[in-house]
Amino acid sequence: MNQITQRGGQLAGIRCCSSCRVRWIRANGIGNRLAIVDATQLVVADEGDLTIDSSKQGMVELDTAPTSPITAGTVYVSLWHANLLALKAERWINWKLANANPARWTTVNYV
């Protein structure tokens, strides 16, 4: 059965992963393209390193639905004023396709 949702699914018997990070921009907005990658041909390098930085200086928007782009009504909170601490965690993972042809682009029509 061919069924792909936002959580993945199957297409022609092949298990699929969905991602909102695959974008194709065209002049009149987001395009209708599908990236197909053979995951067995994806080589990943992950040393497991994790960097954690902290700061008490900065302005943040404390909202579960932050505004983007910033508007005049955006309310910021000073970390220093509110005696808050912000943490940033970064993990670096590198990847490469094992050969020249494991990925394809195709157009799709959404129903």
Protein backbone atom coordinates (compact mmCIF):
# COMPACT_ATOMS: atom_id res chain seq x y z
CA MET A 1 0.00 0.00 0.00
CA ASN A 2 1.34 3.45 -0.93
CA GLN A 3 0.70 5.83 1.91
CA ILE A 4 3.02 8.55 3.19
CA THR A 5 2.03 10.90 5.99
CA GLN A 6 3.96 13.48 8.00
CA ARG A 7 5.26 10.54 10.09
CA GLY A 8 6.53 8.55 7.10
CA GLY A 9 5.02 5.46 5.53
CA GLN A 10 5.57 3.32 2.44
CA LEU A 11 5.88 4.03 -1.26
CA ALA A 12 6.07 1.06 -3.65
CA GLY A 13 6.98 -1.18 -0.71
CA ILE A 14 9.87 1.04 0.40
CA ARG A 15 9.84 2.46 3.92
CA CYS A 16 9.92 6.29 3.85
CA CYS A 17 10.88 9.00 6.32
CA SER A 18 9.24 12.41 6.14
CA SER A 19 10.94 15.71 6.86
CA CYS A 20 9.73 19.29 6.78
CA ARG A 21 13.37 20.36 6.23
CA VAL A 22 13.46 19.30 2.56
CA ARG A 23 12.45 22.44 0.73
CA TRP A 24 12.56 23.65 -2.82
CA ILE A 25 11.95 27.36 -3.22
CA ARG A 26 10.56 28.75 -6.44
CA ALA A 27 9.57 32.27 -7.43
CA ASN A 28 5.95 31.92 -6.30
CA GLY A 29 6.53 29.99 -3.06
CA ILE A 30 7.39 26.51 -1.84
CA GLY A 31 7.54 23.95 -4.62
CA ASN A 32 6.04 20.51 -4.87
CA ARG A 33 9.18 18.39 -4.96
CA LEU A 34 10.03 15.11 -3.31
CA ALA A 35 13.58 14.04 -2.43
CA ILE A 36 14.23 10.31 -2.66
CA VAL A 37 17.42 9.04 -1.00
CA ASP A 38 18.59 5.42 -0.70
CA ALA A 39 19.38 5.35 3.03
CA THR A 40 21.71 2.35 2.61
CA GLN A 41 24.00 4.65 0.58
CA LEU A 42 24.17 7.34 3.27
CA VAL A 43 27.41 7.36 5.27
CA VAL A 44 27.21 9.15 8.64
CA ALA A 45 30.14 10.31 10.79
CA ASP A 46 29.16 10.93 14.41
CA GLU A 47 31.86 11.16 17.05
CA GLY A 48 29.26 11.76 19.75
CA ASP A 49 30.73 15.13 20.75
CA LEU A 50 28.33 17.52 22.43
CA THR A 51 29.04 21.17 23.24
CA ILE A 52 26.96 22.98 25.85
CA ASP A 53 27.20 26.76 26.22
CA SER A 54 25.39 28.95 28.73
CA SER A 55 24.66 32.66 29.03
CA LYS A 56 22.86 35.04 31.37
CA GLN A 57 23.05 37.85 28.84
CA GLY A 58 20.57 38.13 26.02
CA MET A 59 16.96 38.74 25.11
CA VAL A 60 14.61 35.85 24.45
CA GLU A 61 10.97 35.46 23.50
CA LEU A 62 9.36 33.15 26.06
CA ASP A 63 6.45 31.84 24.02
CA THR A 64 5.36 28.40 22.82
CA ALA A 65 4.45 29.97 19.45
CA PRO A 66 7.19 32.57 18.81
CA THR A 67 6.66 35.23 16.16
CA SER A 68 8.56 34.85 12.92
CA PRO A 69 9.40 37.26 11.47
CA ILE A 70 9.75 39.63 14.41
CA THR A 71 6.95 42.20 14.70
CA ALA A 72 6.47 45.36 16.73
CA GLY A 73 4.34 43.35 19.18
CA THR A 74 7.08 40.79 19.95
CA VAL A 75 7.78 40.75 23.70
CA TYR A 76 11.29 39.91 24.83
CA VAL A 77 12.57 39.02 28.31
CA SER A 78 16.05 40.00 29.48
CA LEU A 79 17.89 36.97 30.86
CA TRP A 80 19.94 39.20 33.14
CA HIS A 81 16.91 41.14 34.46
CA ALA A 82 14.92 37.97 35.19
CA ASN A 83 17.96 36.16 36.66
CA LEU A 84 17.60 33.41 34.02
CA LEU A 85 20.13 31.17 32.33
CA ALA A 86 19.97 30.10 28.68
CA LEU A 87 21.58 26.87 27.47
CA LYS A 88 22.62 25.95 23.94
CA ALA A 89 23.56 22.38 23.04
CA GLU A 90 25.30 21.62 19.73
CA ARG A 91 26.08 18.25 18.25
CA TRP A 92 27.97 18.00 14.98
CA ILE A 93 27.16 15.14 12.63
CA ASN A 94 28.56 14.89 9.11
CA TRP A 95 27.16 12.82 6.25
CA LYS A 96 28.03 11.97 2.67
CA LEU A 97 26.44 9.92 -0.11
CA ALA A 98 28.46 6.74 -0.74
CA ASN A 99 28.13 6.93 -4.54
CA ALA A 100 27.04 9.40 -7.20
CA ASN A 101 23.44 8.25 -7.73
CA PRO A 102 21.65 7.41 -4.46
CA ALA A 103 19.41 10.50 -4.52
CA ARG A 104 16.74 11.78 -6.90
CA TRP A 105 14.31 14.70 -7.04
CA THR A 106 10.82 14.31 -8.40
CA THR A 107 7.74 16.50 -8.52
CA VAL A 108 4.53 15.51 -6.75
CA ASN A 109 0.91 16.62 -6.89
CA TYR A 110 -0.86 16.77 -3.56
CA VAL A 111 -4.50 15.70 -3.49
